[in-house]
Amino acid sequence: MKILEIKNIVRKDVPIYYRRLFSGTLVLELVNKTHESKIDFTIETKPTGINEVIVNNMEPVDYPLLPLTREVKKYISLLDENGGLPA
């Protein structure tokens, strides 16, 4: 399993300043096949200043859920750190 990209990322307006909601399309490579799945995720800034990524909704994928979710959270964190998410 390899995460290729998250495309069509859209930020949703939320009145809470420490929460950012996004939706997009997750593109995965599973056994030499490309699979697309809709995803909704939240980045919440904790009082300590640490950002927590929460995957709210993801279409089912034929892959174990825990390792997939862990890798998606890492990928989203890297996108956020490198400025790859909409402001």
PDB file of N, CA and C in Angstrom:
ATOM      1  N   MET A   1       0.837  -1.170   0.000  1.00  0.00           N
ATOM      2  CA  MET A   1       0.000   0.000   0.000  1.00  0.00           C
ATOM      3  C   MET A   1       0.883   1.234   0.000  1.00  0.00           C
ATOM      4  N   LYS A   2       0.545   2.171  -0.891  1.00  0.00           N
ATOM      5  CA  LYS A   2       1.286   3.419  -0.970  1.00  0.00           C
ATOM      6  C   LYS A   2       0.294   4.544  -1.232  1.00  0.00           C
ATOM      7  N   ILE A   3       0.421   5.617  -0.465  1.00  0.00           N
ATOM      8  CA  ILE A   3      -0.431   6.775  -0.680  1.00  0.00           C
ATOM      9  C   ILE A   3       0.204   7.625  -1.768  1.00  0.00           C
ATOM     10  N   LEU A   4      -0.498   7.812  -2.869  1.00  0.00           N
ATOM     11  CA  LEU A   4       0.027   8.599  -3.971  1.00  0.00           C
ATOM     12  C   LEU A   4      -0.237  10.085  -3.768  1.00  0.00           C
ATOM     13  N   GLU A   5      -1.475  10.434  -3.389  1.00  0.00           N
ATOM     14  CA  GLU A   5      -1.816  11.843  -3.167  1.00  0.00           C
ATOM     15  C   GLU A   5      -3.204  11.957  -2.556  1.00  0.00           C
ATOM     16  N   ILE A   6      -3.504  13.148  -2.097  1.00  0.00           N
ATOM     17  CA  ILE A   6      -4.870  13.515  -1.746  1.00  0.00           C
ATOM     18  C   ILE A   6      -5.191  14.694  -2.644  1.00  0.00           C
ATOM     19  N   LYS A   7      -6.133  14.498  -3.556  1.00  0.00           N
ATOM     20  CA  LYS A   7      -6.432  15.555  -4.525  1.00  0.00           C
ATOM     21  C   LYS A   7      -7.795  16.174  -4.243  1.00  0.00           C
ATOM     22  N   ASN A   8      -8.040  17.300  -4.875  1.00  0.00           N
ATOM     23  CA  ASN A   8      -9.301  18.043  -4.724  1.00  0.00           C
ATOM     24  C   ASN A   8      -9.598  18.358  -3.264  1.00  0.00           C
ATOM     25  N   ILE A   9      -8.587  18.809  -2.533  1.00  0.00           N
ATOM     26  CA  ILE A   9      -8.771  19.127  -1.110  1.00  0.00           C
ATOM     27  C   ILE A   9      -9.512  20.451  -0.988  1.00  0.00           C
ATOM     28  N   VAL A  10     -10.591  20.419  -0.207  1.00  0.00           N
ATOM     29  CA  VAL A  10     -11.412  21.608   0.018  1.00  0.00           C
ATOM     30  C   VAL A  10     -11.523  21.822   1.516  1.00  0.00           C
ATOM     31  N   ARG A  11     -11.289  23.069   1.947  1.00  0.00           N
ATOM     32  CA  ARG A  11     -11.436  23.392   3.367  1.00  0.00           C
ATOM     33  C   ARG A  11     -12.857  23.866   3.627  1.00  0.00           C
ATOM     34  N   LYS A  12     -13.459  23.326   4.668  1.00  0.00           N
ATOM     35  CA  LYS A  12     -14.817  23.709   5.040  1.00  0.00           C
ATOM     36  C   LYS A  12     -14.745  24.777   6.137  1.00  0.00           C
ATOM     37  N   ASP A  13     -15.660  25.734   6.085  1.00  0.00           N
ATOM     38  CA  ASP A  13     -15.691  26.795   7.089  1.00  0.00           C
ATOM     39  C   ASP A  13     -16.230  26.262   8.405  1.00  0.00           C
ATOM     40  N   VAL A  14     -15.490  26.532   9.479  1.00  0.00           N
ATOM     41  CA  VAL A  14     -15.879  26.122  10.823  1.00  0.00           C
ATOM     42  C   VAL A  14     -15.681  27.329  11.737  1.00  0.00           C
ATOM     43  N   PRO A  15     -16.665  27.649  12.591  1.00  0.00           N
ATOM     44  CA  PRO A  15     -16.519  28.824  13.452  1.00  0.00           C
ATOM     45  C   PRO A  15     -15.508  28.655  14.594  1.00  0.00           C
ATOM     46  N   ILE A  16     -15.017  27.460  14.808  1.00  0.00           N
ATOM     47  CA  ILE A  16     -14.048  27.208  15.878  1.00  0.00           C
ATOM     48  C   ILE A  16     -12.644  27.397  15.292  1.00  0.00           C
ATOM     49  N   TYR A  17     -11.883  28.348  15.814  1.00  0.00           N
ATOM     50  CA  TYR A  17     -10.602  28.720  15.206  1.00  0.00           C
ATOM     51  C   TYR A  17      -9.519  27.651  15.305  1.00  0.00           C
ATOM     52  N   TYR A  18      -9.605  26.735  16.260  1.00  0.00           N
ATOM     53  CA  TYR A  18      -8.555  25.726  16.412  1.00  0.00           C
ATOM     54  C   TYR A  18      -8.868  24.425  15.689  1.00  0.00           C
ATOM     55  N   ARG A  19      -9.944  24.414  14.911  1.00  0.00           N
ATOM     56  CA  ARG A  19     -10.319  23.232  14.124  1.00  0.00           C
ATOM     57  C   ARG A  19     -10.386  23.582  12.650  1.00  0.00           C
ATOM     58  N   ARG A  20      -9.795  22.719  11.832  1.00  0.00           N
ATOM     59  CA  ARG A  20      -9.860  22.884  10.378  1.00  0.00           C
ATOM     60  C   ARG A  20     -10.383  21.595   9.773  1.00  0.00           C
ATOM     61  N   LEU A  21     -11.499  21.687   9.045  1.00  0.00           N
ATOM     62  CA  LEU A  21     -12.104  20.518   8.407  1.00  0.00           C
ATOM     63  C   LEU A  21     -11.806  20.542   6.916  1.00  0.00           C
ATOM     64  N   PHE A  22     -11.480  19.370   6.375  1.00  0.00           N
ATOM     65  CA  PHE A  22     -11.150  19.244   4.964  1.00  0.00           C
ATOM     66  C   PHE A  22     -11.855  18.026   4.379  1.00  0.00           C
ATOM     67  N   SER A  23     -12.050  18.056   3.071  1.00  0.00           N
ATOM     68  CA  SER A  23     -12.512  16.874   2.351  1.00  0.00           C
ATOM     69  C   SER A  23     -11.715  16.790   1.058  1.00  0.00           C
ATOM     70  N   GLY A  24     -11.607  15.591   0.527  1.00  0.00           N
ATOM     71  CA  GLY A  24     -10.836  15.392  -0.692  1.00  0.00           C
ATOM     72  C   GLY A  24     -10.956  13.965  -1.186  1.00  0.00           C
ATOM     73  N   THR A  25     -10.088  13.623  -2.116  1.00  0.00           N
ATOM     74  CA  THR A  25     -10.061  12.286  -2.692  1.00  0.00           C
ATOM     75  C   THR A  25      -8.688  11.673  -2.447  1.00  0.00           C
ATOM     76  N   LEU A  26      -8.668  10.566  -1.728  1.00  0.00           N
ATOM     77  CA  LEU A  26      -7.436   9.850  -1.414  1.00  0.00           C
ATOM     78  C   LEU A  26      -7.113   8.899  -2.562  1.00  0.00           C
ATOM     79  N   VAL A  27      -5.892   8.973  -3.085  1.00  0.00           N
ATOM     80  CA  VAL A  27      -5.457   8.100  -4.175  1.00  0.00           C
ATOM     81  C   VAL A  27      -4.403   7.155  -3.619  1.00  0.00           C
ATOM     82  N   LEU A  28      -4.702   5.853  -3.672  1.00  0.00           N
ATOM     83  CA  LEU A  28      -3.821   4.809  -3.141  1.00  0.00           C
ATOM     84  C   LEU A  28      -3.367   3.875  -4.242  1.00  0.00           C
ATOM     85  N   GLU A  29      -2.211   3.265  -4.020  1.00  0.00           N
ATOM     86  CA  GLU A  29      -1.766   2.174  -4.886  1.00  0.00           C
ATOM     87  C   GLU A  29      -1.826   0.901  -4.059  1.00  0.00           C
ATOM     88  N   LEU A  30      -2.714  -0.003  -4.447  1.00  0.00           N
ATOM     89  CA  LEU A  30      -2.887  -1.283  -3.756  1.00  0.00           C
ATOM     90  C   LEU A  30      -2.608  -2.405  -4.743  1.00  0.00           C
ATOM     91  N   VAL A  31      -1.578  -3.170  -4.518  1.00  0.00           N
ATOM     92  CA  VAL A  31      -1.193  -4.308  -5.360  1.00  0.00           C
ATOM     93  C   VAL A  31      -1.182  -3.911  -6.838  1.00  0.00           C
ATOM     94  N   ASN A  32      -0.418  -2.878  -7.145  1.00  0.00           N
ATOM     95  CA  ASN A  32      -0.240  -2.365  -8.505  1.00  0.00           C
ATOM     96  C   ASN A  32      -1.521  -1.875  -9.157  1.00  0.00           C
ATOM     97  N   LYS A  33      -2.543  -1.558  -8.368  1.00  0.00           N
ATOM     98  CA  LYS A  33      -3.770  -0.961  -8.871  1.00  0.00           C
ATOM     99  C   LYS A  33      -3.988   0.361  -8.150  1.00  0.00           C
ATOM    100  N   THR A  34      -4.513   1.334  -8.866  1.00  0.00           N
ATOM    101  CA  THR A  34      -4.811   2.626  -8.266  1.00  0.00           C
ATOM    102  C   THR A  34      -6.254   2.619  -7.786  1.00  0.00           C
ATOM    103  N   HIS A  35      -6.457   3.075  -6.559  1.00  0.00           N
ATOM    104  CA  HIS A  35      -7.791   3.110  -5.953  1.00  0.00           C
ATOM    105  C   HIS A  35      -8.033   4.514  -5.411  1.00  0.00           C
ATOM    106  N   GLU A  36      -9.229   5.059  -5.697  1.00  0.00           N
ATOM    107  CA  GLU A  36      -9.605   6.376  -5.182  1.00  0.00           C
ATOM    108  C   GLU A  36     -10.727   6.228  -4.177  1.00  0.00           C
ATOM    109  N   SER A  37     -10.673   7.032  -3.131  1.00  0.00           N
ATOM    110  CA  SER A  37     -11.663   6.959  -2.067  1.00  0.00           C
ATOM    111  C   SER A  37     -11.870   8.356  -1.495  1.00  0.00           C
ATOM    112  N   LYS A  38     -13.109   8.720  -1.236  1.00  0.00           N
ATOM    113  CA  LYS A  38     -13.410  10.021  -0.624  1.00  0.00           C
ATOM    114  C   LYS A  38     -12.989   9.989   0.833  1.00  0.00           C
ATOM    115  N   ILE A  39     -12.490  11.148   1.308  1.00  0.00           N
ATOM    116  CA  ILE A  39     -12.008  11.222   2.686  1.00  0.00           C
ATOM    117  C   ILE A  39     -12.375  12.581   3.284  1.00  0.00           C
ATOM    118  N   ASP A  40     -12.766  12.581   4.542  1.00  0.00           N
ATOM    119  CA  ASP A  40     -12.991  13.790   5.324  1.00  0.00           C
ATOM    120  C   ASP A  40     -12.076  13.712   6.533  1.00  0.00           C
ATOM    121  N   PHE A  41     -11.369  14.798   6.816  1.00  0.00           N
ATOM    122  CA  PHE A  41     -10.467  14.789   7.963  1.00  0.00           C
ATOM    123  C   PHE A  41     -10.441  16.154   8.632  1.00  0.00           C
ATOM    124  N   THR A  42     -10.031  16.137   9.898  1.00  0.00           N
ATOM    125  CA  THR A  42      -9.963  17.340  10.719  1.00  0.00           C
ATOM    126  C   THR A  42      -8.554  17.469  11.280  1.00  0.00           C
ATOM    127  N   ILE A  43      -8.061  18.693  11.326  1.00  0.00           N
ATOM    128  CA  ILE A  43      -6.807  18.978  12.020  1.00  0.00           C
ATOM    129  C   ILE A  43      -7.172  19.907  13.171  1.00  0.00           C
ATOM    130  N   GLU A  44      -6.927  19.431  14.380  1.00  0.00           N
ATOM    131  CA  GLU A  44      -7.278  20.196  15.570  1.00  0.00           C
ATOM    132  C   GLU A  44      -6.005  20.548  16.334  1.00  0.00           C
ATOM    133  N   THR A  45      -5.864  21.818  16.677  1.00  0.00           N
ATOM    134  CA  THR A  45      -4.710  22.273  17.446  1.00  0.00           C
ATOM    135  C   THR A  45      -5.048  22.161  18.926  1.00  0.00           C
ATOM    136  N   LYS A  46      -4.292  21.355  19.624  1.00  0.00           N
ATOM    137  CA  LYS A  46      -4.501  21.138  21.056  1.00  0.00           C
ATOM    138  C   LYS A  46      -3.966  22.333  21.851  1.00  0.00           C
ATOM    139  N   PRO A  47      -4.359  22.493  23.124  1.00  0.00           N
ATOM    140  CA  PRO A  47      -3.850  23.597  23.944  1.00  0.00           C
ATOM    141  C   PRO A  47      -2.325  23.595  24.090  1.00  0.00           C
ATOM    142  N   THR A  48      -1.719  22.436  23.901  1.00  0.00           N
ATOM    143  CA  THR A  48      -0.260  22.344  23.989  1.00  0.00           C
ATOM    144  C   THR A  48       0.438  22.804  22.710  1.00  0.00           C
ATOM    145  N   GLY A  49      -0.353  23.090  21.647  1.00  0.00           N
ATOM    146  CA  GLY A  49       0.214  23.536  20.385  1.00  0.00           C
ATOM    147  C   GLY A  49       0.443  22.418  19.386  1.00  0.00           C
ATOM    148  N   ILE A  50       0.151  21.196  19.766  1.00  0.00           N
ATOM    149  CA  ILE A  50       0.349  20.047  18.883  1.00  0.00           C
ATOM    150  C   ILE A  50      -0.898  19.862  18.014  1.00  0.00           C
ATOM    151  N   ASN A  51      -0.684  19.618  16.728  1.00  0.00           N
ATOM    152  CA  ASN A  51      -1.793  19.366  15.815  1.00  0.00           C
ATOM    153  C   ASN A  51      -2.138  17.889  15.818  1.00  0.00           C
ATOM    154  N   GLU A  52      -3.432  17.584  15.960  1.00  0.00           N
ATOM    155  CA  GLU A  52      -3.914  16.206  15.918  1.00  0.00           C
ATOM    156  C   GLU A  52      -4.744  16.017  14.658  1.00  0.00           C
ATOM    157  N   VAL A  53      -4.440  14.978  13.892  1.00  0.00           N
ATOM    158  CA  VAL A  53      -5.183  14.662  12.674  1.00  0.00           C
ATOM    159  C   VAL A  53      -6.214  13.596  13.013  1.00  0.00           C
ATOM    160  N   ILE A  54      -7.466  13.864  12.621  1.00  0.00           N
ATOM    161  CA  ILE A  54      -8.561  12.926  12.863  1.00  0.00           C
ATOM    162  C   ILE A  54      -9.193  12.611  11.515  1.00  0.00           C
ATOM    163  N   VAL A  55      -9.231  11.322  11.161  1.00  0.00           N
ATOM    164  CA  VAL A  55      -9.897  10.905   9.928  1.00  0.00           C
ATOM    165  C   VAL A  55     -11.352  10.648  10.288  1.00  0.00           C
ATOM    166  N   ASN A  56     -12.239  11.538   9.819  1.00  0.00           N
ATOM    167  CA  ASN A  56     -13.652  11.451  10.167  1.00  0.00           C
ATOM    168  C   ASN A  56     -14.389  10.412   9.346  1.00  0.00           C
ATOM    169  N   ASN A  57     -14.125  10.397   8.054  1.00  0.00           N
ATOM    170  CA  ASN A  57     -14.874   9.517   7.171  1.00  0.00           C
ATOM    171  C   ASN A  57     -13.984   9.127   5.999  1.00  0.00           C
ATOM    172  N   MET A  58     -13.989   7.842   5.668  1.00  0.00           N
ATOM    173  CA  MET A  58     -13.226   7.354   4.531  1.00  0.00           C
ATOM    174  C   MET A  58     -13.998   6.197   3.916  1.00  0.00           C
ATOM    175  N   GLU A  59     -14.133   6.226   2.591  1.00  0.00           N
ATOM    176  CA  GLU A  59     -14.826   5.130   1.921  1.00  0.00           C
ATOM    177  C   GLU A  59     -14.047   3.834   2.150  1.00  0.00           C
ATOM    178  N   PRO A  60     -14.753   2.706   2.232  1.00  0.00           N
ATOM    179  CA  PRO A  60     -14.077   1.425   2.482  1.00  0.00           C
ATOM    180  C   PRO A  60     -13.037   1.090   1.409  1.00  0.00           C
ATOM    181  N   VAL A  61     -11.925   0.564   1.871  1.00  0.00           N
ATOM    182  CA  VAL A  61     -10.820   0.150   1.004  1.00  0.00           C
ATOM    183  C   VAL A  61     -10.479  -1.280   1.383  1.00  0.00           C
ATOM    184  N   ASP A  62     -10.101  -2.088   0.398  1.00  0.00           N
ATOM    185  CA  ASP A  62      -9.755  -3.481   0.655  1.00  0.00           C
ATOM    186  C   ASP A  62      -8.321  -3.562   1.191  1.00  0.00           C
ATOM    187  N   TYR A  63      -8.154  -3.049   2.419  1.00  0.00           N
ATOM    188  CA  TYR A  63      -6.859  -3.045   3.088  1.00  0.00           C
ATOM    189  C   TYR A  63      -7.133  -2.915   4.580  1.00  0.00           C
ATOM    190  N   PRO A  64      -6.311  -3.470   5.461  1.00  0.00           N
ATOM    191  CA  PRO A  64      -6.542  -3.337   6.908  1.00  0.00           C
ATOM    192  C   PRO A  64      -6.646  -1.867   7.330  1.00  0.00           C
ATOM    193  N   LEU A  65      -7.656  -1.567   8.123  1.00  0.00           N
ATOM    194  CA  LEU A  65      -8.004  -0.187   8.449  1.00  0.00           C
ATOM    195  C   LEU A  65      -6.962   0.527   9.313  1.00  0.00           C
ATOM    196  N   LEU A  66      -6.433  -0.133  10.341  1.00  0.00           N
ATOM    197  CA  LEU A  66      -5.499   0.540  11.250  1.00  0.00           C
ATOM    198  C   LEU A  66      -4.208   0.992  10.575  1.00  0.00           C
ATOM    199  N   PRO A  67      -3.515   0.127   9.820  1.00  0.00           N
ATOM    200  CA  PRO A  67      -2.292   0.605   9.152  1.00  0.00           C
ATOM    201  C   PRO A  67      -2.591   1.687   8.108  1.00  0.00           C
ATOM    202  N   LEU A  68      -3.715   1.560   7.420  1.00  0.00           N
ATOM    203  CA  LEU A  68      -4.084   2.551   6.422  1.00  0.00           C
ATOM    204  C   LEU A  68      -4.337   3.908   7.078  1.00  0.00           C
ATOM    205  N   THR A  69      -5.102   3.917   8.163  1.00  0.00           N
ATOM    206  CA  THR A  69      -5.400   5.164   8.867  1.00  0.00           C
ATOM    207  C   THR A  69      -4.132   5.808   9.417  1.00  0.00           C
ATOM    208  N   ARG A  70      -3.229   5.007   9.955  1.00  0.00           N
ATOM    209  CA  ARG A  70      -1.975   5.531  10.492  1.00  0.00           C
ATOM    210  C   ARG A  70      -1.159   6.220   9.388  1.00  0.00           C
ATOM    211  N   GLU A  71      -1.066   5.588   8.222  1.00  0.00           N
ATOM    212  CA  GLU A  71      -0.300   6.168   7.120  1.00  0.00           C
ATOM    213  C   GLU A  71      -0.975   7.423   6.560  1.00  0.00           C
ATOM    214  N   VAL A  72      -2.305   7.425   6.512  1.00  0.00           N
ATOM    215  CA  VAL A  72      -3.029   8.599   6.028  1.00  0.00           C
ATOM    216  C   VAL A  72      -2.794   9.780   6.970  1.00  0.00           C
ATOM    217  N   LYS A  73      -2.811   9.535   8.276  1.00  0.00           N
ATOM    218  CA  LYS A  73      -2.569  10.601   9.251  1.00  0.00           C
ATOM    219  C   LYS A  73      -1.160  11.168   9.102  1.00  0.00           C
ATOM    220  N   LYS A  74      -0.170  10.313   8.888  1.00  0.00           N
ATOM    221  CA  LYS A  74       1.207  10.784   8.674  1.00  0.00           C
ATOM    222  C   LYS A  74       1.296  11.642   7.417  1.00  0.00           C
ATOM    223  N   TYR A  75       0.639  11.180   6.355  1.00  0.00           N
ATOM    224  CA  TYR A  75       0.666  11.898   5.083  1.00  0.00           C
ATOM    225  C   TYR A  75       0.026  13.278   5.234  1.00  0.00           C
ATOM    226  N   ILE A  76      -1.123  13.337   5.919  1.00  0.00           N
ATOM    227  CA  ILE A  76      -1.808  14.612   6.132  1.00  0.00           C
ATOM    228  C   ILE A  76      -0.953  15.548   6.993  1.00  0.00           C
ATOM    229  N   SER A  77      -0.302  15.014   8.023  1.00  0.00           N
ATOM    230  CA  SER A  77       0.572  15.835   8.869  1.00  0.00           C
ATOM    231  C   SER A  77       1.702  16.451   8.056  1.00  0.00           C
ATOM    232  N   LEU A  78       2.307  15.659   7.175  1.00  0.00           N
ATOM    233  CA  LEU A  78       3.369  16.180   6.312  1.00  0.00           C
ATOM    234  C   LEU A  78       2.842  17.254   5.365  1.00  0.00           C
ATOM    235  N   LEU A  79       1.647  17.038   4.797  1.00  0.00           N
ATOM    236  CA  LEU A  79       1.039  18.048   3.942  1.00  0.00           C
ATOM    237  C   LEU A  79       0.844  19.354   4.703  1.00  0.00           C
ATOM    238  N   ASP A  80       0.360  19.249   5.930  1.00  0.00           N
ATOM    239  CA  ASP A  80       0.109  20.437   6.745  1.00  0.00           C
ATOM    240  C   ASP A  80       1.415  21.169   7.067  1.00  0.00           C
ATOM    241  N   GLU A  81       2.446  20.421   7.443  1.00  0.00           N
ATOM    242  CA  GLU A  81       3.733  21.032   7.785  1.00  0.00           C
ATOM    243  C   GLU A  81       4.375  21.726   6.581  1.00  0.00           C
ATOM    244  N   ASN A  82       4.175  21.159   5.380  1.00  0.00           N
ATOM    245  CA  ASN A  82       4.812  21.700   4.175  1.00  0.00           C
ATOM    246  C   ASN A  82       3.938  22.702   3.441  1.00  0.00           C
ATOM    247  N   GLY A  83       2.775  23.062   3.998  1.00  0.00           N
ATOM    248  CA  GLY A  83       1.905  24.045   3.371  1.00  0.00           C
ATOM    249  C   GLY A  83       1.118  23.509   2.190  1.00  0.00           C
ATOM    250  N   GLY A  84       0.833  22.218   2.162  1.00  0.00           N
ATOM    251  CA  GLY A  84       0.119  21.617   1.043  1.00  0.00           C
ATOM    252  C   GLY A  84      -1.386  21.616   1.190  1.00  0.00           C
ATOM    253  N   LEU A  85      -1.906  22.184   2.283  1.00  0.00           N
ATOM    254  CA  LEU A  85      -3.350  22.235   2.496  1.00  0.00           C
ATOM    255  C   LEU A  85      -3.858  23.653   2.252  1.00  0.00           C
ATOM    256  N   PRO A  86      -5.103  23.788   1.756  1.00  0.00           N
ATOM    257  CA  PRO A  86      -5.651  25.124   1.523  1.00  0.00           C
ATOM    258  C   PRO A  86      -5.770  25.924   2.810  1.00  0.00           C
ATOM    259  N   ALA A  87      -5.557  27.228   2.708  1.00  0.00           N
ATOM    260  CA  ALA A  87      -5.627  28.103   3.898  1.00  0.00           C
ATOM    261  C   ALA A  87      -7.039  28.443   4.272  1.00  0.00           C
TER     262      ALA A  87
END
